[in-house]
Protein backbone atom coordinates (compact mmCIF):
# COMPACT_ATOMS: atom_id res chain seq x y z
CA MET A 1 0.57 -14.86 10.59
CA LYS A 2 3.51 -17.20 11.36
CA LYS A 3 5.55 -15.80 8.63
CA ILE A 4 4.96 -12.05 10.67
CA LYS A 5 6.01 -13.91 14.15
CA ILE A 6 8.92 -15.65 12.94
CA ALA A 7 10.23 -11.78 10.74
CA TYR A 8 9.63 -10.51 14.28
CA TRP A 9 11.48 -12.94 16.26
CA ILE A 10 14.49 -12.68 14.20
CA PHE A 11 14.46 -9.50 14.09
CA THR A 12 13.85 -8.38 17.89
CA SER A 13 16.69 -11.28 18.86
CA LEU A 14 19.21 -9.88 17.00
CA ILE A 15 18.30 -6.19 18.38
CA ALA A 16 18.25 -7.84 21.57
CA LEU A 17 20.95 -9.51 21.02
CA ASN A 18 23.13 -6.59 20.00
CA LEU A 19 21.79 -4.61 23.04
CA ILE A 20 23.22 -7.18 24.83
CA MET A 21 26.56 -7.17 23.90
CA ALA A 22 26.59 -3.56 23.55
CA GLY A 23 25.54 -3.24 26.95
CA THR A 24 27.68 -5.78 28.86
CA MET A 25 30.88 -4.34 26.41
CA TYR A 26 30.27 -0.90 27.91
CA PHE A 27 30.67 -2.31 31.49
CA THR A 28 33.55 -5.24 30.78
CA ASN A 29 35.50 -3.73 27.83
CA PRO A 30 38.26 -0.56 28.50
CA GLU A 31 38.16 0.79 24.60
CA VAL A 32 34.60 0.77 25.27
CA SER A 33 35.36 3.50 27.78
CA ALA A 34 38.20 5.07 25.93
CA GLY A 35 35.82 5.40 22.82
CA PHE A 36 33.35 7.13 24.84
CA ALA A 37 36.19 9.63 26.16
CA HIS A 38 36.85 9.97 22.69
CA LEU A 39 33.14 10.99 21.59
CA GLY A 40 33.44 13.53 24.84
CA PHE A 41 31.24 12.03 26.79
CA PRO A 42 31.67 11.57 30.37
CA ASP A 43 32.08 8.05 31.90
CA TYR A 44 28.76 8.20 33.90
CA PHE A 45 26.70 8.37 30.30
CA ARG A 46 28.43 4.76 29.47
CA ILE A 47 27.13 3.25 32.74
CA GLU A 48 23.66 4.75 32.41
CA LEU A 49 23.63 3.42 28.55
CA GLY A 50 24.81 0.16 29.44
CA ILE A 51 21.74 -0.31 32.18
CA ALA A 52 19.20 0.95 29.68
CA LYS A 53 20.61 -1.13 26.72
CA LEU A 54 20.59 -4.31 29.35
CA VAL A 55 16.86 -3.19 30.45
CA GLY A 56 15.99 -2.50 26.63
CA ALA A 57 17.05 -6.19 25.83
CA VAL A 58 14.62 -7.93 28.68
CA VAL A 59 11.73 -6.20 27.53
CA LEU A 60 12.08 -6.94 24.37
CA ILE A 61 12.07 -9.94 24.65
CA LEU A 62 9.16 -10.75 27.48
CA PRO A 63 6.16 -10.94 25.27
CA PHE A 64 4.09 -10.00 28.43
CA LEU A 65 5.10 -6.84 28.68
CA PRO A 66 2.38 -4.00 27.62
CA ARG A 67 3.06 -2.46 24.33
CA ASN A 68 3.27 1.17 25.78
CA VAL A 69 6.36 -0.09 27.33
CA LYS A 70 7.80 -1.73 24.68
CA GLU A 71 7.44 1.10 22.33
CA TRP A 72 9.42 2.98 24.64
CA VAL A 73 11.96 0.89 24.56
CA TYR A 74 11.67 0.87 20.25
CA ALA A 75 12.08 5.00 20.88
CA GLY A 76 15.06 5.03 22.54
CA ALA A 77 16.39 2.14 21.21
CA GLY A 78 16.13 4.46 17.75
CA ILE A 79 17.35 7.53 19.32
CA THR A 80 20.53 6.08 20.49
CA PHE A 81 21.65 4.30 17.45
CA ILE A 82 21.08 7.49 15.26
CA SER A 83 22.70 9.44 17.87
CA ALA A 84 25.63 7.72 17.86
CA ALA A 85 25.66 7.33 13.97
CA ILE A 86 26.22 11.33 14.72
CA ALA A 87 28.66 11.53 16.91
CA HIS A 88 30.87 9.40 15.48
CA GLY A 89 30.25 10.83 12.80
CA ASN A 90 30.93 14.50 14.23
CA ALA A 91 33.97 13.11 15.78
CA GLY A 92 35.61 11.85 12.35
CA ASP A 93 35.39 8.72 12.91
CA PRO A 94 35.48 5.93 10.09
CA ALA A 95 32.28 5.08 7.75
CA SER A 96 31.93 2.04 10.00
CA GLY A 97 31.29 3.86 12.93
CA ILE A 98 28.12 5.76 11.31
CA VAL A 99 27.06 2.82 9.25
CA THR A 100 26.83 -0.13 12.09
CA PRO A 101 24.50 2.19 14.34
CA LEU A 102 22.71 3.19 11.32
CA VAL A 103 22.30 -0.55 10.08
CA MET A 104 21.10 -1.62 13.73
CA PHE A 105 18.32 1.17 13.75
CA ALA A 106 17.21 -0.40 10.33
CA LEU A 107 16.90 -3.63 12.35
CA LEU A 108 15.16 -2.03 14.91
CA ALA A 109 12.49 -0.53 12.47
CA ALA A 110 11.63 -3.76 11.01
CA SER A 111 11.21 -5.32 14.22
CA TYR A 112 8.86 -2.47 15.11
CA TYR A 113 6.95 -3.08 11.59
CA PHE A 114 6.55 -6.74 12.46
CA TYR A 115 5.72 -6.04 16.02
CA THR A 116 3.15 -3.72 14.68
CA LYS A 117 1.55 -6.19 12.24
CA LEU A 118 1.08 -9.08 15.09
CA PRO A 119 -2.20 -9.01 16.33
CA ALA A 120 -3.14 -7.30 19.77
CA ARG A 121 -3.65 -11.13 21.35
CA VAL A 122 -0.17 -12.37 20.02
CA ARG A 123 1.71 -9.52 21.16
CA THR A 124 1.23 -11.22 24.68
CA GLN A 125 1.23 -14.91 24.37
CA GLN A 126 4.84 -16.15 24.66
CA VAL A 127 5.28 -19.33 22.23
CA ILE A 128 6.30 -18.75 18.79
CA ALA A 129 4.43 -21.57 17.67
């Protein structure tokens, strides 16, 4: 049980950190804005996605939130990562632009896998130990 909790928190922390960093850069980094334009997305989509990523990170980290709320975040983040890989591939970007979101999708899948292995009573506890 303890190994499952540790694995869950490692993968979930990595995903949450990625979502926080990406969400923050969507608002602060002009290169990200240019990247969205390069991919053909309107600027408001960058803002919407930035907010969604920041909120999603918070939802994943807070252990007391209901399971169905977390599952919506897992689904939304998964769609985002797959869509990013497709968008970068369609734009003719280098392989790193395609592989990176797929790696993040794999980490997200691992987080979800270990989340489903946690007993319901553990999913609602705030402590790791």
